[in-house]
N, C-alpha and C. Protein backbone atom coordinates (compact mmCIF):
# COMPACT_ATOMS: atom_id res chain seq x y z
N MET A 1 179.61 -93.13 137.76
CA MET A 1 179.88 -91.76 138.12
C MET A 1 180.16 -90.95 136.86
N LYS A 2 179.58 -89.74 136.80
CA LYS A 2 179.80 -88.84 135.68
C LYS A 2 180.70 -87.70 136.11
N VAL A 3 181.78 -87.51 135.36
CA VAL A 3 182.72 -86.43 135.63
C VAL A 3 182.69 -85.46 134.46
N LEU A 4 182.38 -84.21 134.77
CA LEU A 4 182.35 -83.15 133.78
C LEU A 4 183.51 -82.20 134.05
N ALA A 5 184.36 -82.02 133.05
CA ALA A 5 185.45 -81.05 133.15
C ALA A 5 185.10 -79.84 132.29
N ILE A 6 185.30 -78.66 132.86
CA ILE A 6 185.02 -77.41 132.16
C ILE A 6 186.33 -76.66 132.01
N CYS A 7 186.73 -76.46 130.76
CA CYS A 7 187.98 -75.78 130.46
C CYS A 7 187.71 -74.30 130.21
N GLY A 8 188.23 -73.47 131.12
CA GLY A 8 188.00 -72.04 131.03
C GLY A 8 189.03 -71.27 130.24
N SER A 9 189.87 -71.96 129.49
CA SER A 9 190.89 -71.28 128.71
C SER A 9 190.37 -70.86 127.33
N PRO A 10 190.66 -69.63 126.91
CA PRO A 10 190.23 -69.21 125.58
C PRO A 10 191.13 -69.73 124.45
N ARG A 11 192.14 -70.52 124.81
CA ARG A 11 193.00 -71.10 123.77
C ARG A 11 193.30 -72.56 124.09
N LYS A 12 193.73 -73.28 123.08
CA LYS A 12 194.16 -74.66 123.27
C LYS A 12 195.55 -74.60 123.89
N GLY A 13 195.71 -75.25 125.03
CA GLY A 13 197.00 -75.18 125.69
C GLY A 13 197.04 -76.01 126.96
N ASN A 14 197.73 -75.52 127.95
CA ASN A 14 198.02 -76.27 129.16
C ASN A 14 196.78 -76.68 129.97
N THR A 15 195.83 -75.79 130.11
CA THR A 15 194.64 -76.11 130.90
C THR A 15 193.90 -77.29 130.27
N GLU A 16 193.69 -77.22 128.98
CA GLU A 16 193.02 -78.31 128.27
C GLU A 16 193.82 -79.61 128.36
N THR A 17 195.12 -79.51 128.18
CA THR A 17 195.99 -80.69 128.27
C THR A 17 195.86 -81.35 129.63
N MET A 18 195.90 -80.54 130.69
CA MET A 18 195.78 -81.08 132.04
C MET A 18 194.42 -81.74 132.25
N LEU A 19 193.36 -81.07 131.83
CA LEU A 19 192.02 -81.62 132.03
C LEU A 19 191.82 -82.93 131.27
N LYS A 20 192.36 -83.01 130.06
CA LYS A 20 192.23 -84.25 129.29
C LYS A 20 192.93 -85.40 130.00
N GLU A 21 194.06 -85.12 130.62
CA GLU A 21 194.79 -86.16 131.34
C GLU A 21 194.07 -86.53 132.63
N VAL A 22 193.49 -85.55 133.31
CA VAL A 22 192.68 -85.82 134.50
C VAL A 22 191.50 -86.72 134.11
N LEU A 23 190.85 -86.40 133.02
CA LEU A 23 189.70 -87.21 132.56
C LEU A 23 190.12 -88.61 132.15
N ARG A 24 191.30 -88.74 131.56
CA ARG A 24 191.79 -90.08 131.20
C ARG A 24 191.96 -90.92 132.46
N GLY A 25 192.53 -90.34 133.50
CA GLY A 25 192.66 -91.04 134.77
C GLY A 25 191.31 -91.39 135.37
N ALA A 26 190.36 -90.46 135.29
CA ALA A 26 189.01 -90.71 135.81
C ALA A 26 188.33 -91.84 135.05
N ARG A 27 188.48 -91.84 133.73
CA ARG A 27 187.90 -92.92 132.90
C ARG A 27 188.49 -94.26 133.29
N ASP A 28 189.80 -94.30 133.45
CA ASP A 28 190.47 -95.55 133.82
C ASP A 28 190.07 -96.02 135.21
N ALA A 29 189.53 -95.11 136.03
CA ALA A 29 189.04 -95.47 137.36
C ALA A 29 187.55 -95.82 137.32
N GLY A 30 186.97 -95.83 136.10
CA GLY A 30 185.59 -96.28 135.94
C GLY A 30 184.55 -95.20 135.72
N ALA A 31 184.96 -93.96 135.61
CA ALA A 31 184.00 -92.86 135.43
C ALA A 31 183.64 -92.64 133.96
N GLU A 32 182.46 -92.12 133.76
CA GLU A 32 182.05 -91.61 132.45
C GLU A 32 182.47 -90.15 132.44
N THR A 33 183.15 -89.70 131.37
CA THR A 33 183.73 -88.36 131.38
C THR A 33 183.30 -87.53 130.18
N GLU A 34 183.36 -86.22 130.37
CA GLU A 34 183.07 -85.29 129.29
C GLU A 34 183.85 -84.00 129.53
N LEU A 35 184.35 -83.41 128.46
CA LEU A 35 185.08 -82.16 128.51
C LEU A 35 184.30 -81.09 127.76
N VAL A 36 184.06 -79.97 128.41
CA VAL A 36 183.43 -78.81 127.78
C VAL A 36 184.51 -77.75 127.60
N LEU A 37 184.70 -77.35 126.37
CA LEU A 37 185.67 -76.29 126.04
C LEU A 37 184.87 -74.99 125.88
N LEU A 38 184.96 -74.12 126.85
CA LEU A 38 184.16 -72.89 126.81
C LEU A 38 184.47 -72.04 125.58
N ARG A 39 185.70 -72.13 125.08
CA ARG A 39 186.08 -71.32 123.91
C ARG A 39 185.27 -71.70 122.67
N GLU A 40 184.68 -72.88 122.67
CA GLU A 40 183.86 -73.34 121.54
C GLU A 40 182.37 -73.06 121.75
N LYS A 41 182.03 -72.42 122.85
CA LYS A 41 180.62 -72.19 123.19
C LYS A 41 180.27 -70.72 123.08
N LYS A 42 179.01 -70.48 122.78
CA LYS A 42 178.49 -69.11 122.78
C LYS A 42 177.80 -68.90 124.12
N ILE A 43 178.41 -68.04 124.94
CA ILE A 43 177.87 -67.73 126.26
C ILE A 43 177.78 -66.21 126.38
N ASN A 44 176.56 -65.71 126.43
CA ASN A 44 176.36 -64.28 126.61
C ASN A 44 176.74 -63.87 128.03
N TYR A 45 177.08 -62.60 128.16
CA TYR A 45 177.37 -62.06 129.48
C TYR A 45 176.08 -61.95 130.28
N CYS A 46 176.17 -62.21 131.58
CA CYS A 46 175.03 -61.99 132.47
C CYS A 46 174.78 -60.49 132.53
N THR A 47 173.52 -60.08 132.40
CA THR A 47 173.18 -58.66 132.46
C THR A 47 172.67 -58.25 133.84
N GLY A 48 172.53 -59.21 134.74
CA GLY A 48 172.04 -58.91 136.07
C GLY A 48 170.56 -58.58 136.13
N CYS A 49 169.81 -59.02 135.15
CA CYS A 49 168.38 -58.69 135.08
C CYS A 49 167.55 -59.44 136.14
N GLU A 50 168.10 -60.53 136.65
CA GLU A 50 167.48 -61.36 137.69
C GLU A 50 166.20 -62.06 137.25
N LYS A 51 165.95 -62.17 135.95
CA LYS A 51 164.80 -62.92 135.45
C LYS A 51 164.91 -64.40 135.84
N CYS A 52 166.15 -64.86 136.03
CA CYS A 52 166.37 -66.28 136.35
C CYS A 52 165.87 -66.64 137.75
N LYS A 53 165.57 -65.66 138.57
CA LYS A 53 165.01 -65.95 139.90
C LYS A 53 163.64 -66.62 139.79
N ASP A 54 162.92 -66.26 138.74
CA ASP A 54 161.56 -66.78 138.57
C ASP A 54 161.41 -67.74 137.39
N GLY A 55 162.48 -67.99 136.68
CA GLY A 55 162.41 -68.86 135.51
C GLY A 55 163.77 -69.02 134.89
N ASP A 56 163.78 -69.29 133.62
CA ASP A 56 165.04 -69.50 132.92
C ASP A 56 165.69 -68.17 132.56
N CYS A 57 166.94 -68.25 132.24
CA CYS A 57 167.69 -67.08 131.79
C CYS A 57 167.07 -66.52 130.50
N ILE A 58 167.20 -65.22 130.32
CA ILE A 58 166.64 -64.59 129.12
C ILE A 58 167.40 -64.98 127.85
N PHE A 59 168.63 -65.47 128.00
CA PHE A 59 169.43 -65.83 126.84
C PHE A 59 169.24 -67.30 126.47
N ASP A 60 169.10 -67.55 125.19
CA ASP A 60 169.03 -68.92 124.68
C ASP A 60 170.34 -69.17 123.93
N ASP A 61 171.35 -69.62 124.70
CA ASP A 61 172.66 -69.85 124.13
C ASP A 61 173.21 -71.18 124.65
N ASP A 62 174.49 -71.43 124.47
CA ASP A 62 175.07 -72.71 124.86
C ASP A 62 175.13 -72.92 126.37
N MET A 63 174.90 -71.87 127.14
CA MET A 63 174.95 -72.02 128.59
C MET A 63 173.85 -72.95 129.09
N ASN A 64 172.73 -72.98 128.41
CA ASN A 64 171.64 -73.87 128.81
C ASN A 64 172.10 -75.34 128.79
N GLU A 65 172.84 -75.70 127.76
CA GLU A 65 173.39 -77.06 127.64
C GLU A 65 174.41 -77.33 128.75
N ILE A 66 175.24 -76.34 129.05
CA ILE A 66 176.26 -76.50 130.09
C ILE A 66 175.59 -76.67 131.45
N LEU A 67 174.56 -75.89 131.73
CA LEU A 67 173.84 -76.02 133.00
C LEU A 67 173.25 -77.42 133.15
N GLU A 68 172.71 -77.94 132.07
CA GLU A 68 172.14 -79.29 132.10
C GLU A 68 173.22 -80.33 132.40
N LYS A 69 174.37 -80.18 131.76
CA LYS A 69 175.49 -81.10 132.01
C LYS A 69 175.97 -81.01 133.45
N MET A 70 176.01 -79.80 133.99
CA MET A 70 176.43 -79.62 135.38
C MET A 70 175.45 -80.32 136.33
N MET A 71 174.19 -80.23 136.02
CA MET A 71 173.17 -80.86 136.87
C MET A 71 173.31 -82.39 136.87
N LYS A 72 173.68 -82.95 135.74
CA LYS A 72 173.77 -84.41 135.61
C LYS A 72 175.10 -84.97 136.13
N ALA A 73 176.10 -84.14 136.28
CA ALA A 73 177.43 -84.59 136.71
C ALA A 73 177.45 -84.90 138.20
N ASP A 74 178.24 -85.91 138.55
CA ASP A 74 178.48 -86.22 139.95
C ASP A 74 179.68 -85.41 140.47
N LEU A 75 180.60 -85.11 139.56
CA LEU A 75 181.80 -84.36 139.90
C LEU A 75 182.06 -83.36 138.77
N ILE A 76 182.30 -82.11 139.15
CA ILE A 76 182.60 -81.06 138.19
C ILE A 76 184.03 -80.60 138.43
N VAL A 77 184.86 -80.66 137.38
CA VAL A 77 186.26 -80.22 137.48
C VAL A 77 186.39 -78.92 136.69
N ILE A 78 186.76 -77.86 137.36
CA ILE A 78 186.93 -76.56 136.72
C ILE A 78 188.41 -76.36 136.45
N GLY A 79 188.76 -76.07 135.21
CA GLY A 79 190.14 -75.80 134.84
C GLY A 79 190.30 -74.35 134.41
N SER A 80 191.31 -73.68 134.97
CA SER A 80 191.51 -72.27 134.63
C SER A 80 192.98 -71.91 134.53
N PRO A 81 193.31 -71.16 133.47
CA PRO A 81 194.64 -70.55 133.42
C PRO A 81 194.61 -69.25 134.21
N ASN A 82 195.77 -68.71 134.46
CA ASN A 82 195.91 -67.45 135.17
C ASN A 82 195.90 -66.30 134.18
N TYR A 83 194.90 -65.46 134.27
CA TYR A 83 194.82 -64.25 133.44
C TYR A 83 194.78 -63.05 134.36
N PHE A 84 195.87 -62.36 134.47
CA PHE A 84 195.98 -61.20 135.35
C PHE A 84 195.50 -61.52 136.75
N SER A 85 195.99 -62.64 137.29
CA SER A 85 195.68 -63.08 138.65
C SER A 85 194.20 -63.42 138.85
N ASN A 86 193.54 -63.86 137.79
CA ASN A 86 192.13 -64.21 137.90
C ASN A 86 191.76 -65.18 136.79
N VAL A 87 190.47 -65.52 136.72
CA VAL A 87 189.99 -66.41 135.67
C VAL A 87 189.82 -65.61 134.39
N PRO A 88 189.92 -66.26 133.22
CA PRO A 88 189.66 -65.58 131.96
C PRO A 88 188.18 -65.17 131.85
N GLY A 89 187.91 -64.23 131.00
CA GLY A 89 186.55 -63.71 130.83
C GLY A 89 185.52 -64.77 130.50
N ILE A 90 185.88 -65.75 129.66
CA ILE A 90 184.88 -66.76 129.28
C ILE A 90 184.48 -67.63 130.47
N LEU A 91 185.41 -67.89 131.36
CA LEU A 91 185.08 -68.66 132.55
C LEU A 91 184.25 -67.81 133.52
N LYS A 92 184.58 -66.54 133.64
CA LYS A 92 183.79 -65.66 134.51
C LYS A 92 182.37 -65.55 133.99
N SER A 93 182.19 -65.47 132.68
CA SER A 93 180.83 -65.42 132.11
C SER A 93 180.06 -66.70 132.45
N MET A 94 180.72 -67.84 132.34
CA MET A 94 180.06 -69.10 132.68
C MET A 94 179.66 -69.11 134.16
N ILE A 95 180.58 -68.68 135.01
CA ILE A 95 180.29 -68.64 136.44
C ILE A 95 179.07 -67.76 136.71
N ASP A 96 179.06 -66.56 136.13
CA ASP A 96 177.93 -65.65 136.33
C ASP A 96 176.62 -66.25 135.83
N ARG A 97 176.69 -66.98 134.76
CA ARG A 97 175.47 -67.53 134.15
C ARG A 97 174.95 -68.78 134.85
N THR A 98 175.63 -69.25 135.90
CA THR A 98 175.07 -70.36 136.69
C THR A 98 174.02 -69.86 137.68
N ASP A 99 173.76 -68.58 137.67
CA ASP A 99 172.78 -67.99 138.59
C ASP A 99 171.43 -68.72 138.60
N PRO A 100 170.90 -69.16 137.47
CA PRO A 100 169.61 -69.86 137.53
C PRO A 100 169.65 -71.09 138.46
N LEU A 101 170.76 -71.81 138.48
CA LEU A 101 170.85 -72.99 139.34
C LEU A 101 170.89 -72.59 140.81
N TYR A 102 171.47 -71.44 141.07
CA TYR A 102 171.55 -70.95 142.44
C TYR A 102 170.18 -70.43 142.91
N HIS A 103 169.58 -69.58 142.09
CA HIS A 103 168.32 -68.95 142.47
C HIS A 103 167.14 -69.92 142.54
N GLN A 104 167.22 -70.98 141.81
CA GLN A 104 166.10 -71.92 141.76
C GLN A 104 166.33 -73.13 142.65
N GLY A 105 166.83 -72.91 143.84
CA GLY A 105 166.92 -73.99 144.80
C GLY A 105 168.30 -74.58 145.00
N GLU A 106 169.34 -73.81 144.72
CA GLU A 106 170.70 -74.27 144.98
C GLU A 106 170.94 -75.66 144.39
N LYS A 107 170.71 -75.78 143.12
CA LYS A 107 170.73 -77.08 142.44
C LYS A 107 172.10 -77.74 142.33
N LEU A 108 173.16 -77.02 142.64
CA LEU A 108 174.49 -77.64 142.63
C LEU A 108 174.93 -78.02 144.04
N LYS A 109 174.12 -77.72 145.02
CA LYS A 109 174.44 -77.98 146.42
C LYS A 109 174.75 -79.46 146.63
N GLY A 110 175.90 -79.71 147.28
CA GLY A 110 176.29 -81.07 147.59
C GLY A 110 177.07 -81.79 146.50
N LYS A 111 177.13 -81.20 145.30
CA LYS A 111 177.92 -81.84 144.24
C LYS A 111 179.40 -81.76 144.59
N LYS A 112 180.14 -82.72 144.11
CA LYS A 112 181.59 -82.74 144.30
C LYS A 112 182.22 -81.88 143.22
N ALA A 113 183.31 -81.22 143.58
CA ALA A 113 184.02 -80.37 142.63
C ALA A 113 185.52 -80.51 142.86
N ALA A 114 186.25 -80.28 141.78
CA ALA A 114 187.71 -80.26 141.83
C ALA A 114 188.17 -79.10 140.95
N ALA A 115 189.42 -78.70 141.12
CA ALA A 115 189.92 -77.55 140.36
C ALA A 115 191.35 -77.79 139.91
N VAL A 116 191.65 -77.27 138.72
CA VAL A 116 192.98 -77.36 138.12
C VAL A 116 193.37 -75.94 137.71
N PHE A 117 194.53 -75.50 138.19
CA PHE A 117 195.02 -74.15 137.90
C PHE A 117 196.36 -74.23 137.20
N VAL A 118 196.60 -73.32 136.25
CA VAL A 118 197.88 -73.30 135.56
C VAL A 118 198.23 -71.88 135.14
N GLY A 119 199.50 -71.57 135.25
CA GLY A 119 199.96 -70.26 134.81
C GLY A 119 201.45 -70.09 135.05
N GLU A 120 202.00 -69.08 134.44
CA GLU A 120 203.43 -68.81 134.60
C GLU A 120 203.72 -68.30 136.01
N VAL A 121 202.75 -67.58 136.56
CA VAL A 121 202.86 -67.05 137.91
C VAL A 121 201.70 -67.61 138.73
N GLU A 122 202.00 -68.13 139.89
CA GLU A 122 200.95 -68.65 140.76
C GLU A 122 200.30 -67.49 141.50
N THR A 123 198.97 -67.56 141.62
CA THR A 123 198.29 -66.52 142.39
C THR A 123 197.20 -67.14 143.25
N GLU A 124 197.07 -66.63 144.42
CA GLU A 124 195.99 -67.03 145.30
C GLU A 124 194.66 -66.45 144.82
N THR A 125 194.72 -65.32 144.11
CA THR A 125 193.50 -64.67 143.63
C THR A 125 192.77 -65.57 142.64
N LEU A 126 193.50 -66.17 141.71
CA LEU A 126 192.90 -67.10 140.75
C LEU A 126 192.26 -68.27 141.49
N LYS A 127 193.02 -68.88 142.35
CA LYS A 127 192.52 -70.02 143.12
C LYS A 127 191.29 -69.62 143.92
N ARG A 128 191.34 -68.48 144.56
CA ARG A 128 190.23 -68.02 145.38
C ARG A 128 188.97 -67.81 144.55
N ALA A 129 189.12 -67.27 143.32
CA ALA A 129 187.96 -67.03 142.45
C ALA A 129 187.22 -68.33 142.14
N VAL A 130 187.96 -69.37 141.80
CA VAL A 130 187.33 -70.65 141.48
C VAL A 130 186.75 -71.30 142.72
N ILE A 131 187.49 -71.28 143.80
CA ILE A 131 187.00 -71.90 145.04
C ILE A 131 185.79 -71.13 145.58
N ASP A 132 185.79 -69.81 145.46
CA ASP A 132 184.62 -69.03 145.88
C ASP A 132 183.38 -69.43 145.08
N PHE A 133 183.55 -69.66 143.78
CA PHE A 133 182.43 -70.11 142.96
C PHE A 133 181.91 -71.46 143.46
N ILE A 134 182.81 -72.39 143.68
CA ILE A 134 182.45 -73.72 144.17
C ILE A 134 181.72 -73.61 145.51
N GLU A 135 182.26 -72.83 146.41
CA GLU A 135 181.65 -72.68 147.73
C GLU A 135 180.32 -71.93 147.67
N SER A 136 180.21 -70.93 146.81
CA SER A 136 178.96 -70.18 146.67
C SER A 136 177.82 -71.09 146.20
N CYS A 137 178.16 -72.05 145.37
CA CYS A 137 177.16 -73.01 144.88
C CYS A 137 176.94 -74.15 145.87
N GLN A 138 177.64 -74.11 146.99
CA GLN A 138 177.57 -75.12 148.04
C GLN A 138 177.98 -76.50 147.54
N MET A 139 178.92 -76.49 146.58
CA MET A 139 179.54 -77.75 146.16
C MET A 139 180.68 -78.03 147.13
N GLU A 140 181.15 -79.26 147.12
CA GLU A 140 182.25 -79.67 148.01
C GLU A 140 183.53 -79.82 147.19
N LEU A 141 184.53 -79.00 147.51
CA LEU A 141 185.82 -79.11 146.85
C LEU A 141 186.54 -80.33 147.41
N VAL A 142 186.77 -81.33 146.56
CA VAL A 142 187.42 -82.56 147.01
C VAL A 142 188.92 -82.55 146.78
N LYS A 143 189.37 -81.77 145.79
CA LYS A 143 190.80 -81.76 145.49
C LYS A 143 191.10 -80.64 144.50
N SER A 144 192.32 -80.11 144.58
CA SER A 144 192.76 -79.15 143.57
C SER A 144 194.23 -79.39 143.29
N MET A 145 194.66 -78.91 142.14
CA MET A 145 196.07 -79.02 141.78
C MET A 145 196.46 -77.82 140.95
N LYS A 146 197.76 -77.52 140.95
CA LYS A 146 198.24 -76.40 140.17
C LYS A 146 199.49 -76.81 139.40
N ALA A 147 199.76 -76.04 138.37
CA ALA A 147 200.95 -76.28 137.57
C ALA A 147 201.51 -74.93 137.12
N LYS A 148 202.81 -74.88 137.03
CA LYS A 148 203.47 -73.68 136.53
C LYS A 148 203.88 -73.92 135.09
N ALA A 149 203.46 -73.01 134.22
CA ALA A 149 203.78 -73.14 132.80
C ALA A 149 203.68 -71.78 132.14
N GLY A 150 204.58 -71.55 131.20
CA GLY A 150 204.56 -70.30 130.46
C GLY A 150 204.08 -70.47 129.03
N SER A 151 204.68 -71.40 128.31
CA SER A 151 204.29 -71.62 126.92
C SER A 151 203.07 -72.55 126.85
N PRO A 152 202.23 -72.41 125.82
CA PRO A 152 200.99 -73.18 125.73
C PRO A 152 201.15 -74.70 125.66
N ASP A 153 202.33 -75.18 125.33
CA ASP A 153 202.52 -76.64 125.22
C ASP A 153 203.45 -77.19 126.29
N GLU A 154 203.75 -76.40 127.29
CA GLU A 154 204.73 -76.79 128.29
C GLU A 154 204.31 -78.02 129.10
N ILE A 155 203.06 -78.09 129.50
CA ILE A 155 202.60 -79.21 130.32
C ILE A 155 202.67 -80.53 129.54
N SER A 156 202.32 -80.49 128.28
CA SER A 156 202.33 -81.73 127.49
C SER A 156 203.73 -82.32 127.37
N LYS A 157 204.75 -81.50 127.57
CA LYS A 157 206.14 -81.96 127.50
C LYS A 157 206.70 -82.35 128.87
N ASN A 158 205.91 -82.15 129.91
CA ASN A 158 206.35 -82.42 131.27
C ASN A 158 205.74 -83.75 131.74
N ARG A 159 206.49 -84.80 131.57
CA ARG A 159 206.00 -86.15 131.87
C ARG A 159 205.53 -86.28 133.32
N GLU A 160 206.28 -85.71 134.23
CA GLU A 160 205.93 -85.79 135.65
C GLU A 160 204.58 -85.12 135.93
N LYS A 161 204.33 -83.96 135.33
CA LYS A 161 203.07 -83.25 135.54
C LYS A 161 201.92 -84.00 134.87
N MET A 162 202.17 -84.59 133.72
CA MET A 162 201.13 -85.39 133.04
C MET A 162 200.75 -86.59 133.91
N GLU A 163 201.73 -87.23 134.50
CA GLU A 163 201.45 -88.36 135.39
C GLU A 163 200.68 -87.90 136.62
N GLU A 164 201.02 -86.72 137.13
CA GLU A 164 200.31 -86.17 138.28
C GLU A 164 198.84 -85.89 137.93
N CYS A 165 198.59 -85.37 136.74
CA CYS A 165 197.21 -85.11 136.29
C CYS A 165 196.42 -86.41 136.18
N TYR A 166 197.03 -87.42 135.60
CA TYR A 166 196.39 -88.73 135.46
C TYR A 166 196.03 -89.30 136.83
N ALA A 167 197.00 -89.25 137.75
CA ALA A 167 196.77 -89.76 139.11
C ALA A 167 195.69 -88.96 139.82
N PHE A 168 195.67 -87.66 139.59
CA PHE A 168 194.64 -86.78 140.16
C PHE A 168 193.25 -87.27 139.76
N GLY A 169 193.07 -87.55 138.47
CA GLY A 169 191.79 -88.05 137.96
C GLY A 169 191.40 -89.38 138.58
N GLN A 170 192.35 -90.28 138.68
CA GLN A 170 192.07 -91.58 139.30
C GLN A 170 191.71 -91.42 140.77
N GLU A 171 192.47 -90.62 141.47
CA GLU A 171 192.27 -90.46 142.92
C GLU A 171 190.91 -89.87 143.25
N ILE A 172 190.48 -88.83 142.53
CA ILE A 172 189.21 -88.21 142.88
C ILE A 172 188.05 -89.17 142.68
N VAL A 173 188.11 -89.96 141.62
CA VAL A 173 187.03 -90.93 141.38
C VAL A 173 187.07 -92.04 142.42
N LYS A 174 188.25 -92.59 142.69
CA LYS A 174 188.36 -93.67 143.68
C LYS A 174 187.95 -93.19 145.07
N ASP A 175 188.37 -91.99 145.45
CA ASP A 175 188.02 -91.46 146.77
C ASP A 175 186.51 -91.27 146.91
N ILE A 176 185.88 -90.71 145.89
CA ILE A 176 184.44 -90.49 145.96
C ILE A 176 183.70 -91.82 145.97
N ASN A 177 184.14 -92.76 145.14
CA ASN A 177 183.50 -94.08 145.12
C ASN A 177 183.66 -94.81 146.46
N LYS A 178 184.83 -94.66 147.07
CA LYS A 178 185.12 -95.36 148.32
C LYS A 178 184.31 -94.80 149.49
N THR A 179 184.26 -93.47 149.56
CA THR A 179 183.58 -92.84 150.69
C THR A 179 182.09 -92.62 150.43
N GLY A 180 181.70 -92.66 149.17
CA GLY A 180 180.33 -92.36 148.83
C GLY A 180 180.03 -90.88 148.95
N LYS A 181 181.06 -90.10 149.21
CA LYS A 181 180.89 -88.64 149.35
C LYS A 181 181.55 -87.92 148.23
């Protein structure tokens, strides 16, 4: 099983920490894992030109590589911090740029997905944005988790939350392997 985690945070901090621990748990459960840090990628904004309906996106940037990784993954874990009750801009750009996979035959349909949310203030709007993306692509949300944190290193100092992240990674892989779904 291939597990791809996508970190939507524009900085190194809690979201990345949580995803790394989730992936460690997934690896220990037998999965092959990979982490994509969107902050290290060049992703142009979607212009809404709709050229992707008939072919590839007009932009030749790092999103092409991310789309390929998403296609090959059995499980996609989206990690997002809370930015004004929503996803950060870099994650929204990635979400918008998945349009080619949607327009060309719903290529993410049936894939398993999980979500990790973190922020000083919990919001349903953030959670809804990520889950709406997952549902729009007709992926199946198998599990989500949230954490409350203010400073960028708070989660790494919270042993209980780190253990929860590790267990989360193990559980999603074991559950999918057991049920075949």
